[in-house]
Amino acid sequence: MIRVNCNLCGRDDWRLRFPATVKTAIRPDVAAFRCTCAGYGSHLQIVQCRHCGYVYSNPRWLPEALLDAYIAVEDDTYLVERAGRELTFRRHLKALERATGLTGGRLLDVGAYIGVFVEVARKAGWDACGVEPSRWAATVAHQQGLPVIEGTLDAPQLDGQQFDAITLWDVIEHVDDPSGELAKVYRLLRPGGVIAVHTMDIDSLAARLMGRRWPWLMDMHIHYFSRRTLVQMLEKNGFEVIWAGAQGRYLSLGYLSTRVAGFSRPLGRLLGGIVKRLGLAETAVPINFGDLITAYARRPEEGHDKG
């Protein structure tokens, strides 16, 4: 475990936000890093910077241990929820196009997992590819004929490339150094290119009302943005923010019942039983509690670049 400074302002001056609920270990539990993990309420110590308000896990695992966990993770449950993910990503893509004015071009999806967003974007006319550290997920994507690089933004296949759009759906909260990742994205974008970042909002009404019972407090989440701190980090790395606000997702009712069970087992069993009896397990519904945010930003055109 290592102690870290604030990833936004760089200072080492924080107050305790939520005490750790799990015993620390040298290496994280790989199962807790599945995208569909329901380990709500299991997390490291979470602190808040006294100077800029940024919220993060501290202390936490070494960067190498985090990456090893994501390389090794497998997640068959994600395959079951593919339909809901497709609906969500179609919605995300349309929102990105409306906000940025782009309707095609070269697109890179960071943390592409099994390539669902890559597939959605390609069907919509984008020249889309992805990058994903999980060997299992990248293999599943390859089996579907999708261009997903196994690795991270440091993958040599990305050297010298430039993209019109780069997306990070539910990724920025997982990486060791979010600011460093955004700097890499900046370099990979052509001047005028856009970035989309989707993550949880720890300053949302839902998060404030639920406190320590907010379900997104989890082992695999080591950074907790608000709309304000996400905008500030994008601007810190030279981006011009276009829009930032709440954006939900689609989940099948069957999958939703398993998420509820992670929070309340009796309620999850009850909901699951009702959904199964009514034959609605595969029915996808929109979910938006206002605690998930998306930000769209642009790398400035030449002549207006960061110095």
C-alpha atoms as a PDB file:
ATOM      1  CA  MET A   1       0.000   0.000   0.000  1.00  0.00           C
ATOM      2  CA  ILE A   2       1.161   3.533  -0.734  1.00  0.00           C
ATOM      3  CA  ARG A   3       0.105   6.976   0.437  1.00  0.00           C
ATOM      4  CA  VAL A   4      -0.600   9.431  -2.353  1.00  0.00           C
ATOM      5  CA  ASN A   5      -1.103  13.156  -2.809  1.00  0.00           C
ATOM      6  CA  CYS A   6      -4.210  14.748  -4.288  1.00  0.00           C
ATOM      7  CA  ASN A   7      -4.343  14.016  -8.020  1.00  0.00           C
ATOM      8  CA  LEU A   8      -5.933  17.402  -8.748  1.00  0.00           C
ATOM      9  CA  CYS A   9      -3.882  19.954  -6.795  1.00  0.00           C
ATOM     10  CA  GLY A  10      -0.924  17.778  -5.740  1.00  0.00           C
ATOM     11  CA  ARG A  11      -1.122  18.555  -2.024  1.00  0.00           C
ATOM     12  CA  ASP A  12      -0.919  16.142   0.885  1.00  0.00           C
ATOM     13  CA  ASP A  13      -3.461  17.658   3.238  1.00  0.00           C
ATOM     14  CA  TRP A  14      -6.733  15.805   3.636  1.00  0.00           C
ATOM     15  CA  ARG A  15      -9.586  14.990   5.979  1.00  0.00           C
ATOM     16  CA  LEU A  16     -11.196  11.605   6.430  1.00  0.00           C
ATOM     17  CA  ARG A  17     -14.384  11.211   4.390  1.00  0.00           C
ATOM     18  CA  PHE A  18     -15.145   7.487   4.895  1.00  0.00           C
ATOM     19  CA  PRO A  19     -13.143   5.002   7.034  1.00  0.00           C
ATOM     20  CA  ALA A  20     -11.963   1.805   5.345  1.00  0.00           C
ATOM     21  CA  THR A  21     -14.431  -1.071   5.538  1.00  0.00           C
ATOM     22  CA  VAL A  22     -11.995  -3.790   4.410  1.00  0.00           C
ATOM     23  CA  LYS A  23      -8.646  -4.946   5.703  1.00  0.00           C
ATOM     24  CA  THR A  24      -5.836  -3.670   3.532  1.00  0.00           C
ATOM     25  CA  ALA A  25      -3.773  -6.171   1.591  1.00  0.00           C
ATOM     26  CA  ILE A  26      -0.640  -5.960  -0.520  1.00  0.00           C
ATOM     27  CA  ARG A  27      -2.602  -6.946  -3.612  1.00  0.00           C
ATOM     28  CA  PRO A  28      -6.293  -6.337  -4.355  1.00  0.00           C
ATOM     29  CA  ASP A  29      -8.869  -9.084  -4.793  1.00  0.00           C
ATOM     30  CA  VAL A  30      -9.209  -9.538  -8.567  1.00  0.00           C
ATOM     31  CA  ALA A  31     -12.890 -10.510  -8.228  1.00  0.00           C
ATOM     32  CA  ALA A  32     -13.606  -7.061  -6.753  1.00  0.00           C
ATOM     33  CA  PHE A  33     -12.424  -5.478 -10.009  1.00  0.00           C
ATOM     34  CA  ARG A  34     -15.058  -7.051 -12.264  1.00  0.00           C
ATOM     35  CA  CYS A  35     -17.147  -4.402 -13.992  1.00  0.00           C
ATOM     36  CA  THR A  36     -20.276  -6.132 -12.671  1.00  0.00           C
ATOM     37  CA  CYS A  37     -18.997  -6.654  -9.114  1.00  0.00           C
ATOM     38  CA  ALA A  38     -21.690  -5.962  -6.514  1.00  0.00           C
ATOM     39  CA  GLY A  39     -19.281  -5.361  -3.636  1.00  0.00           C
ATOM     40  CA  TYR A  40     -21.014  -2.185  -2.541  1.00  0.00           C
ATOM     41  CA  GLY A  41     -19.754  -0.725   0.728  1.00  0.00           C
ATOM     42  CA  SER A  42     -16.418  -2.573   0.582  1.00  0.00           C
ATOM     43  CA  HIS A  43     -13.681   0.018   0.120  1.00  0.00           C
ATOM     44  CA  LEU A  44     -10.367   1.439   1.244  1.00  0.00           C
ATOM     45  CA  GLN A  45     -10.080   4.592   3.328  1.00  0.00           C
ATOM     46  CA  ILE A  46     -11.561   7.510   1.382  1.00  0.00           C
ATOM     47  CA  VAL A  47     -10.302  11.047   2.022  1.00  0.00           C
ATOM     48  CA  GLN A  48     -11.005  14.566   0.755  1.00  0.00           C
ATOM     49  CA  CYS A  49      -8.395  17.195  -0.067  1.00  0.00           C
ATOM     50  CA  ARG A  50      -8.727  20.198   2.251  1.00  0.00           C
ATOM     51  CA  HIS A  51      -7.634  22.594  -0.512  1.00  0.00           C
ATOM     52  CA  CYS A  52      -9.507  21.630  -3.682  1.00  0.00           C
ATOM     53  CA  GLY A  53     -12.161  19.178  -2.399  1.00  0.00           C
ATOM     54  CA  TYR A  54     -11.000  16.229  -4.525  1.00  0.00           C
ATOM     55  CA  VAL A  55     -12.008  12.832  -3.071  1.00  0.00           C
ATOM     56  CA  TYR A  56      -9.827   9.727  -3.396  1.00  0.00           C
ATOM     57  CA  SER A  57      -8.712   6.482  -1.746  1.00  0.00           C
ATOM     58  CA  ASN A  58      -5.631   6.926   0.420  1.00  0.00           C
ATOM     59  CA  PRO A  59      -3.623   4.822   1.105  1.00  0.00           C
ATOM     60  CA  ARG A  60      -4.132   2.433  -1.781  1.00  0.00           C
ATOM     61  CA  TRP A  61      -2.512  -0.348  -3.760  1.00  0.00           C
ATOM     62  CA  LEU A  62       0.601   0.118  -5.862  1.00  0.00           C
ATOM     63  CA  PRO A  63      -0.031   1.061  -9.533  1.00  0.00           C
ATOM     64  CA  GLU A  64       1.484  -2.245 -10.643  1.00  0.00           C
ATOM     65  CA  ALA A  65      -0.905  -4.207  -8.411  1.00  0.00           C
ATOM     66  CA  LEU A  66      -3.900  -2.302  -9.790  1.00  0.00           C
ATOM     67  CA  LEU A  67      -2.879  -2.956 -13.372  1.00  0.00           C
ATOM     68  CA  ASP A  68      -2.234  -6.644 -12.654  1.00  0.00           C
ATOM     69  CA  ALA A  69      -5.766  -6.950 -11.263  1.00  0.00           C
ATOM     70  CA  TYR A  70      -7.296  -5.431 -14.388  1.00  0.00           C
ATOM     71  CA  ILE A  71      -5.179  -7.625 -16.661  1.00  0.00           C
ATOM     72  CA  ALA A  72      -6.347 -10.752 -14.827  1.00  0.00           C
ATOM     73  CA  VAL A  73     -10.037  -9.895 -14.339  1.00  0.00           C
ATOM     74  CA  GLU A  74     -12.753 -11.995 -16.041  1.00  0.00           C
ATOM     75  CA  ASP A  75     -16.431 -11.085 -16.011  1.00  0.00           C
ATOM     76  CA  ASP A  76     -18.929 -13.486 -17.591  1.00  0.00           C
ATOM     77  CA  THR A  77     -21.859 -11.603 -16.007  1.00  0.00           C
ATOM     78  CA  TYR A  78     -21.079  -8.655 -18.296  1.00  0.00           C
ATOM     79  CA  LEU A  79     -21.959 -10.824 -21.296  1.00  0.00           C
ATOM     80  CA  VAL A  80     -25.457 -11.393 -19.892  1.00  0.00           C
ATOM     81  CA  GLU A  81     -26.033  -7.638 -19.606  1.00  0.00           C
ATOM     82  CA  ARG A  82     -24.843  -6.845 -23.147  1.00  0.00           C
ATOM     83  CA  ALA A  83     -28.277  -5.673 -24.374  1.00  0.00           C
ATOM     84  CA  GLY A  84     -28.519  -3.049 -21.658  1.00  0.00           C
ATOM     85  CA  ARG A  85     -24.973  -1.892 -22.408  1.00  0.00           C
ATOM     86  CA  GLU A  86     -25.793  -1.528 -26.095  1.00  0.00           C
ATOM     87  CA  LEU A  87     -28.778   0.693 -25.318  1.00  0.00           C
ATOM     88  CA  THR A  88     -26.678   2.779 -22.941  1.00  0.00           C
ATOM     89  CA  PHE A  89     -23.863   3.204 -25.440  1.00  0.00           C
ATOM     90  CA  ARG A  90     -26.206   4.135 -28.278  1.00  0.00           C
ATOM     91  CA  ARG A  91     -27.576   6.849 -26.008  1.00  0.00           C
ATOM     92  CA  HIS A  92     -24.070   7.960 -25.029  1.00  0.00           C
ATOM     93  CA  LEU A  93     -22.943   8.130 -28.661  1.00  0.00           C
ATOM     94  CA  LYS A  94     -25.924  10.237 -29.722  1.00  0.00           C
ATOM     95  CA  ALA A  95     -25.336  12.594 -26.783  1.00  0.00           C
ATOM     96  CA  LEU A  96     -21.642  12.892 -27.694  1.00  0.00           C
ATOM     97  CA  GLU A  97     -22.527  13.726 -31.295  1.00  0.00           C
ATOM     98  CA  ARG A  98     -25.083  16.348 -30.227  1.00  0.00           C
ATOM     99  CA  ALA A  99     -22.734  17.982 -27.734  1.00  0.00           C
ATOM    100  CA  THR A 100     -19.668  18.085 -29.972  1.00  0.00           C
ATOM    101  CA  GLY A 101     -21.103  18.360 -33.460  1.00  0.00           C
ATOM    102  CA  LEU A 102     -19.096  15.338 -34.628  1.00  0.00           C
ATOM    103  CA  THR A 103     -20.857  12.544 -36.474  1.00  0.00           C
ATOM    104  CA  GLY A 104     -17.883  10.416 -37.487  1.00  0.00           C
ATOM    105  CA  GLY A 105     -14.119  10.099 -37.644  1.00  0.00           C
ATOM    106  CA  ARG A 106     -11.467   8.120 -35.815  1.00  0.00           C
ATOM    107  CA  LEU A 107     -12.570   7.140 -32.317  1.00  0.00           C
ATOM    108  CA  LEU A 108     -10.691   5.386 -29.498  1.00  0.00           C
ATOM    109  CA  ASP A 109     -12.603   3.859 -26.590  1.00  0.00           C
ATOM    110  CA  VAL A 110     -10.387   3.570 -23.502  1.00  0.00           C
ATOM    111  CA  GLY A 111     -11.252   0.668 -21.200  1.00  0.00           C
ATOM    112  CA  ALA A 112     -13.289  -0.865 -24.006  1.00  0.00           C
ATOM    113  CA  TYR A 113     -13.837  -4.159 -22.130  1.00  0.00           C
ATOM    114  CA  ILE A 114     -15.490  -6.567 -24.611  1.00  0.00           C
ATOM    115  CA  GLY A 115     -15.902  -3.835 -27.231  1.00  0.00           C
ATOM    116  CA  VAL A 116     -19.619  -3.047 -26.998  1.00  0.00           C
ATOM    117  CA  PHE A 117     -19.167   0.707 -27.487  1.00  0.00           C
ATOM    118  CA  VAL A 118     -16.639   0.097 -30.268  1.00  0.00           C
ATOM    119  CA  GLU A 119     -19.234  -2.018 -32.057  1.00  0.00           C
ATOM    120  CA  VAL A 120     -21.998   0.563 -31.524  1.00  0.00           C
ATOM    121  CA  ALA A 121     -19.790   3.365 -32.847  1.00  0.00           C
ATOM    122  CA  ARG A 122     -18.668   1.358 -35.894  1.00  0.00           C
ATOM    123  CA  LYS A 123     -22.280   0.574 -36.801  1.00  0.00           C
ATOM    124  CA  ALA A 124     -22.989   4.319 -36.594  1.00  0.00           C
ATOM    125  CA  GLY A 125     -20.256   5.057 -39.124  1.00  0.00           C
ATOM    126  CA  TRP A 126     -17.272   5.827 -36.913  1.00  0.00           C
ATOM    127  CA  ASP A 127     -13.811   4.361 -37.543  1.00  0.00           C
ATOM    128  CA  ALA A 128     -13.714   3.061 -33.976  1.00  0.00           C
ATOM    129  CA  CYS A 129     -11.244   0.932 -32.047  1.00  0.00           C
ATOM    130  CA  GLY A 130     -10.578   0.295 -28.382  1.00  0.00           C
ATOM    131  CA  VAL A 131      -7.880  -0.408 -25.822  1.00  0.00           C
ATOM    132  CA  GLU A 132      -8.452  -2.714 -22.834  1.00  0.00           C
ATOM    133  CA  PRO A 133      -6.074  -4.208 -20.217  1.00  0.00           C
ATOM    134  CA  SER A 134      -8.152  -7.340 -19.410  1.00  0.00           C
ATOM    135  CA  ARG A 135      -6.852 -10.314 -21.394  1.00  0.00           C
ATOM    136  CA  TRP A 136     -10.234 -12.002 -21.111  1.00  0.00           C
ATOM    137  CA  ALA A 137     -12.203  -8.963 -22.308  1.00  0.00           C
ATOM    138  CA  ALA A 138      -9.844  -8.224 -25.198  1.00  0.00           C
ATOM    139  CA  THR A 139     -10.071 -11.867 -26.276  1.00  0.00           C
ATOM    140  CA  VAL A 140     -13.890 -11.726 -26.255  1.00  0.00           C
ATOM    141  CA  ALA A 141     -13.735  -8.567 -28.379  1.00  0.00           C
ATOM    142  CA  HIS A 142     -11.368 -10.242 -30.845  1.00  0.00           C
ATOM    143  CA  GLN A 143     -13.707 -13.214 -31.123  1.00  0.00           C
ATOM    144  CA  GLN A 144     -16.394 -10.768 -32.227  1.00  0.00           C
ATOM    145  CA  GLY A 145     -14.051  -9.326 -34.857  1.00  0.00           C
ATOM    146  CA  LEU A 146     -13.684  -6.024 -33.022  1.00  0.00           C
ATOM    147  CA  PRO A 147     -10.436  -3.984 -33.117  1.00  0.00           C
ATOM    148  CA  VAL A 148      -9.559  -3.804 -29.420  1.00  0.00           C
ATOM    149  CA  ILE A 149      -5.903  -3.511 -28.417  1.00  0.00           C
ATOM    150  CA  GLU A 150      -4.928  -5.500 -25.336  1.00  0.00           C
ATOM    151  CA  GLY A 151      -3.202  -2.957 -23.100  1.00  0.00           C
ATOM    152  CA  THR A 152      -3.451   0.631 -21.887  1.00  0.00           C
ATOM    153  CA  LEU A 153      -2.888   4.080 -23.375  1.00  0.00           C
ATOM    154  CA  ASP A 154       0.826   3.224 -23.239  1.00  0.00           C
ATOM    155  CA  ALA A 155       0.341   0.454 -25.823  1.00  0.00           C
ATOM    156  CA  PRO A 156       2.950   0.794 -28.604  1.00  0.00           C
ATOM    157  CA  GLN A 157       0.196   0.347 -31.227  1.00  0.00           C
ATOM    158  CA  LEU A 158      -1.026   3.843 -30.309  1.00  0.00           C
ATOM    159  CA  ASP A 159       2.324   5.569 -30.836  1.00  0.00           C
ATOM    160  CA  GLY A 160       2.010   8.375 -33.368  1.00  0.00           C
ATOM    161  CA  GLN A 161      -1.752   7.934 -33.823  1.00  0.00           C
ATOM    162  CA  GLN A 162      -4.309  10.720 -33.523  1.00  0.00           C
ATOM    163  CA  PHE A 163      -8.045  10.507 -33.060  1.00  0.00           C
ATOM    164  CA  ASP A 164     -11.057  12.744 -33.563  1.00  0.00           C
ATOM    165  CA  ALA A 165     -12.719  11.460 -30.390  1.00  0.00           C
ATOM    166  CA  ILE A 166     -11.611   9.493 -27.335  1.00  0.00           C
ATOM    167  CA  THR A 167     -14.098   8.100 -24.824  1.00  0.00           C
ATOM    168  CA  LEU A 168     -13.640   6.965 -21.223  1.00  0.00           C
ATOM    169  CA  TRP A 169     -16.891   5.377 -20.025  1.00  0.00           C
ATOM    170  CA  ASP A 170     -16.599   4.408 -16.324  1.00  0.00           C
ATOM    171  CA  VAL A 171     -12.797   4.352 -16.503  1.00  0.00           C
ATOM    172  CA  ILE A 172     -11.314   7.486 -14.912  1.00  0.00           C
ATOM    173  CA  GLU A 173     -12.307   6.410 -11.369  1.00  0.00           C
ATOM    174  CA  HIS A 174     -10.295   3.181 -11.684  1.00  0.00           C
ATOM    175  CA  VAL A 175      -6.874   4.347 -12.876  1.00  0.00           C
ATOM    176  CA  ASP A 176      -3.930   5.158 -10.632  1.00  0.00           C
ATOM    177  CA  ASP A 177      -3.293   8.628 -12.105  1.00  0.00           C
ATOM    178  CA  PRO A 178      -6.376  10.209 -13.734  1.00  0.00           C
ATOM    179  CA  SER A 179      -4.587  13.475 -14.517  1.00  0.00           C
ATOM    180  CA  GLY A 180      -1.783  11.544 -16.199  1.00  0.00           C
ATOM    181  CA  GLU A 181      -4.310   9.568 -18.260  1.00  0.00           C
ATOM    182  CA  LEU A 182      -5.989  12.765 -19.426  1.00  0.00           C
ATOM    183  CA  ALA A 183      -2.580  14.117 -20.479  1.00  0.00           C
ATOM    184  CA  LYS A 184      -2.083  10.983 -22.602  1.00  0.00           C
ATOM    185  CA  VAL A 185      -5.530  11.436 -24.142  1.00  0.00           C
ATOM    186  CA  TYR A 186      -4.670  15.047 -24.962  1.00  0.00           C
ATOM    187  CA  ARG A 187      -1.596  13.943 -26.908  1.00  0.00           C
ATOM    188  CA  LEU A 188      -3.587  11.303 -28.816  1.00  0.00           C
ATOM    189  CA  LEU A 189      -6.308  13.738 -29.887  1.00  0.00           C
ATOM    190  CA  ARG A 190      -5.909  15.821 -33.002  1.00  0.00           C
ATOM    191  CA  PRO A 191      -6.299  19.600 -32.438  1.00  0.00           C
ATOM    192  CA  GLY A 192     -10.042  20.171 -32.221  1.00  0.00           C
ATOM    193  CA  GLY A 193     -10.649  16.551 -31.184  1.00  0.00           C
ATOM    194  CA  VAL A 194     -13.012  15.749 -28.325  1.00  0.00           C
ATOM    195  CA  ILE A 195     -13.010  13.646 -25.180  1.00  0.00           C
ATOM    196  CA  ALA A 196     -15.986  12.156 -23.322  1.00  0.00           C
ATOM    197  CA  VAL A 197     -15.581  11.141 -19.669  1.00  0.00           C
ATOM    198  CA  HIS A 198     -18.320   9.343 -17.715  1.00  0.00           C
ATOM    199  CA  THR A 199     -17.988   8.673 -13.977  1.00  0.00           C
ATOM    200  CA  MET A 200     -19.794   8.896 -10.624  1.00  0.00           C
ATOM    201  CA  ASP A 201     -20.646  12.211  -8.944  1.00  0.00           C
ATOM    202  CA  ILE A 202     -19.815  12.134  -5.242  1.00  0.00           C
ATOM    203  CA  ASP A 203     -21.374  15.577  -4.747  1.00  0.00           C
ATOM    204  CA  SER A 204     -24.718  14.504  -6.228  1.00  0.00           C
ATOM    205  CA  LEU A 205     -27.849  14.649  -4.098  1.00  0.00           C
ATOM    206  CA  ALA A 206     -28.056  10.842  -4.046  1.00  0.00           C
ATOM    207  CA  ALA A 207     -24.468  10.525  -2.809  1.00  0.00           C
ATOM    208  CA  ARG A 208     -24.955  13.162  -0.115  1.00  0.00           C
ATOM    209  CA  LEU A 209     -28.218  11.669   1.122  1.00  0.00           C
ATOM    210  CA  MET A 210     -26.901   8.092   1.235  1.00  0.00           C
ATOM    211  CA  GLY A 211     -23.522   8.943   2.755  1.00  0.00           C
ATOM    212  CA  ARG A 212     -21.531   5.816   3.557  1.00  0.00           C
ATOM    213  CA  ARG A 213     -24.346   3.699   2.040  1.00  0.00           C
ATOM    214  CA  TRP A 214     -23.887   5.207  -1.432  1.00  0.00           C
ATOM    215  CA  PRO A 215     -23.359   2.053  -3.525  1.00  0.00           C
ATOM    216  CA  TRP A 216     -20.488   3.418  -5.633  1.00  0.00           C
ATOM    217  CA  LEU A 217     -18.142   3.319  -2.625  1.00  0.00           C
ATOM    218  CA  MET A 218     -16.258   0.195  -3.755  1.00  0.00           C
ATOM    219  CA  ASP A 219     -12.778  -1.355  -3.781  1.00  0.00           C
ATOM    220  CA  MET A 220     -12.298  -0.795  -7.505  1.00  0.00           C
ATOM    221  CA  HIS A 221     -13.156   2.909  -7.330  1.00  0.00           C
ATOM    222  CA  ILE A 222     -10.135   4.855  -6.110  1.00  0.00           C
ATOM    223  CA  HIS A 223     -11.116   8.323  -7.379  1.00  0.00           C
ATOM    224  CA  TYR A 224     -14.424  10.092  -6.705  1.00  0.00           C
ATOM    225  CA  PHE A 225     -15.120  13.096  -8.877  1.00  0.00           C
ATOM    226  CA  SER A 226     -17.733  15.799  -8.603  1.00  0.00           C
ATOM    227  CA  ARG A 227     -18.851  17.792 -11.614  1.00  0.00           C
ATOM    228  CA  ARG A 228     -16.618  20.633 -10.427  1.00  0.00           C
ATOM    229  CA  THR A 229     -13.449  18.572  -9.875  1.00  0.00           C
ATOM    230  CA  LEU A 230     -13.899  16.691 -13.154  1.00  0.00           C
ATOM    231  CA  VAL A 231     -14.144  19.987 -15.061  1.00  0.00           C
ATOM    232  CA  GLN A 232     -11.124  21.327 -13.180  1.00  0.00           C
ATOM    233  CA  MET A 233      -9.003  18.274 -14.008  1.00  0.00           C
ATOM    234  CA  LEU A 234      -9.923  18.481 -17.688  1.00  0.00           C
ATOM    235  CA  GLU A 235      -9.031  22.176 -17.742  1.00  0.00           C
ATOM    236  CA  LYS A 236      -5.794  21.492 -15.857  1.00  0.00           C
ATOM    237  CA  ASN A 237      -4.775  19.234 -18.746  1.00  0.00           C
ATOM    238  CA  GLY A 238      -5.533  21.832 -21.415  1.00  0.00           C
ATOM    239  CA  PHE A 239      -9.066  20.855 -22.455  1.00  0.00           C
ATOM    240  CA  GLU A 240     -11.902  23.272 -23.147  1.00  0.00           C
ATOM    241  CA  VAL A 241     -15.007  21.854 -21.472  1.00  0.00           C
ATOM    242  CA  ILE A 242     -18.100  21.850 -23.694  1.00  0.00           C
ATOM    243  CA  TRP A 243     -20.662  20.456 -21.241  1.00  0.00           C
ATOM    244  CA  ALA A 244     -20.833  18.451 -18.026  1.00  0.00           C
ATOM    245  CA  GLY A 245     -23.968  17.046 -16.409  1.00  0.00           C
ATOM    246  CA  ALA A 246     -25.910  14.024 -15.175  1.00  0.00           C
ATOM    247  CA  GLN A 247     -26.340  11.110 -17.565  1.00  0.00           C
ATOM    248  CA  GLY A 248     -27.843   7.722 -16.701  1.00  0.00           C
ATOM    249  CA  ARG A 249     -27.786   4.275 -18.287  1.00  0.00           C
ATOM    250  CA  TYR A 250     -29.943   1.287 -19.241  1.00  0.00           C
ATOM    251  CA  LEU A 251     -30.026  -1.922 -17.193  1.00  0.00           C
ATOM    252  CA  SER A 252     -32.037  -5.107 -17.705  1.00  0.00           C
ATOM    253  CA  LEU A 253     -34.452  -5.772 -14.857  1.00  0.00           C
ATOM    254  CA  GLY A 254     -32.783  -9.113 -14.170  1.00  0.00           C
ATOM    255  CA  TYR A 255     -29.365  -7.509 -13.862  1.00  0.00           C
ATOM    256  CA  LEU A 256     -30.815  -4.639 -11.831  1.00  0.00           C
ATOM    257  CA  SER A 257     -32.124  -7.122  -9.270  1.00  0.00           C
ATOM    258  CA  THR A 258     -28.570  -8.484  -8.802  1.00  0.00           C
ATOM    259  CA  ARG A 259     -27.300  -4.914  -8.241  1.00  0.00           C
ATOM    260  CA  VAL A 260     -30.024  -4.311  -5.657  1.00  0.00           C
ATOM    261  CA  ALA A 261     -29.036  -7.590  -3.945  1.00  0.00           C
ATOM    262  CA  GLY A 262     -25.519  -6.230  -3.505  1.00  0.00           C
ATOM    263  CA  PHE A 263     -27.038  -3.395  -1.507  1.00  0.00           C
ATOM    264  CA  SER A 264     -29.882  -5.284   0.177  1.00  0.00           C
ATOM    265  CA  ARG A 265     -30.018  -9.056  -0.263  1.00  0.00           C
ATOM    266  CA  PRO A 266     -33.688  -9.511   0.799  1.00  0.00           C
ATOM    267  CA  LEU A 267     -34.860  -6.705  -1.479  1.00  0.00           C
ATOM    268  CA  GLY A 268     -32.751  -8.053  -4.352  1.00  0.00           C
ATOM    269  CA  ARG A 269     -34.234 -11.546  -3.945  1.00  0.00           C
ATOM    270  CA  LEU A 270     -37.743 -10.110  -3.851  1.00  0.00           C
ATOM    271  CA  LEU A 271     -37.213  -8.003  -6.976  1.00  0.00           C
ATOM    272  CA  GLY A 272     -35.479 -10.889  -8.763  1.00  0.00           C
ATOM    273  CA  GLY A 273     -38.363 -13.244  -8.014  1.00  0.00           C
ATOM    274  CA  ILE A 274     -40.962 -10.782  -9.286  1.00  0.00           C
ATOM    275  CA  VAL A 275     -38.991 -10.046 -12.452  1.00  0.00           C
ATOM    276  CA  LYS A 276     -38.516 -13.761 -13.162  1.00  0.00           C
ATOM    277  CA  ARG A 277     -42.173 -14.635 -12.627  1.00  0.00           C
ATOM    278  CA  LEU A 278     -43.274 -11.836 -14.954  1.00  0.00           C
ATOM    279  CA  GLY A 279     -40.752 -12.846 -17.617  1.00  0.00           C
ATOM    280  CA  LEU A 280     -39.142  -9.398 -17.576  1.00  0.00           C
ATOM    281  CA  ALA A 281     -35.532 -10.347 -16.829  1.00  0.00           C
ATOM    282  CA  GLU A 282     -34.321  -9.210 -20.262  1.00  0.00           C
ATOM    283  CA  THR A 283     -36.343  -5.978 -20.299  1.00  0.00           C
ATOM    284  CA  ALA A 284     -34.035  -2.951 -20.241  1.00  0.00           C
ATOM    285  CA  VAL A 285     -35.091   0.189 -18.387  1.00  0.00           C
ATOM    286  CA  PRO A 286     -33.445   3.638 -18.088  1.00  0.00           C
ATOM    287  CA  ILE A 287     -31.860   4.315 -14.697  1.00  0.00           C
ATOM    288  CA  ASN A 288     -30.785   7.793 -13.607  1.00  0.00           C
ATOM    289  CA  PHE A 289     -30.400   8.808  -9.961  1.00  0.00           C
ATOM    290  CA  GLY A 290     -28.394  11.892 -10.917  1.00  0.00           C
ATOM    291  CA  ASP A 291     -25.177  10.465  -9.480  1.00  0.00           C
ATOM    292  CA  LEU A 292     -23.506   9.613 -12.800  1.00  0.00           C
ATOM    293  CA  ILE A 293     -21.997  12.442 -14.831  1.00  0.00           C
ATOM    294  CA  THR A 294     -20.563  12.884 -18.298  1.00  0.00           C
ATOM    295  CA  ALA A 295     -18.241  15.658 -19.416  1.00  0.00           C
ATOM    296  CA  TYR A 296     -17.427  16.532 -23.026  1.00  0.00           C
ATOM    297  CA  ALA A 297     -14.316  18.594 -23.734  1.00  0.00           C
ATOM    298  CA  ARG A 298     -12.189  19.608 -26.715  1.00  0.00           C
ATOM    299  CA  ARG A 299      -8.481  19.867 -27.336  1.00  0.00           C
ATOM    300  CA  PRO A 300      -8.026  23.439 -28.619  1.00  0.00           C
ATOM    301  CA  GLU A 301      -7.305  24.024 -32.294  1.00  0.00           C
ATOM    302  CA  GLU A 302      -3.758  24.861 -33.349  1.00  0.00           C
ATOM    303  CA  GLY A 303      -2.849  28.375 -32.271  1.00  0.00           C
ATOM    304  CA  HIS A 304      -4.915  27.996 -29.099  1.00  0.00           C
ATOM    305  CA  ASP A 305      -3.008  25.005 -27.666  1.00  0.00           C
ATOM    306  CA  LYS A 306      -1.826  24.816 -24.084  1.00  0.00           C
ATOM    307  CA  GLY A 307       1.649  26.204 -23.733  1.00  0.00           C
END
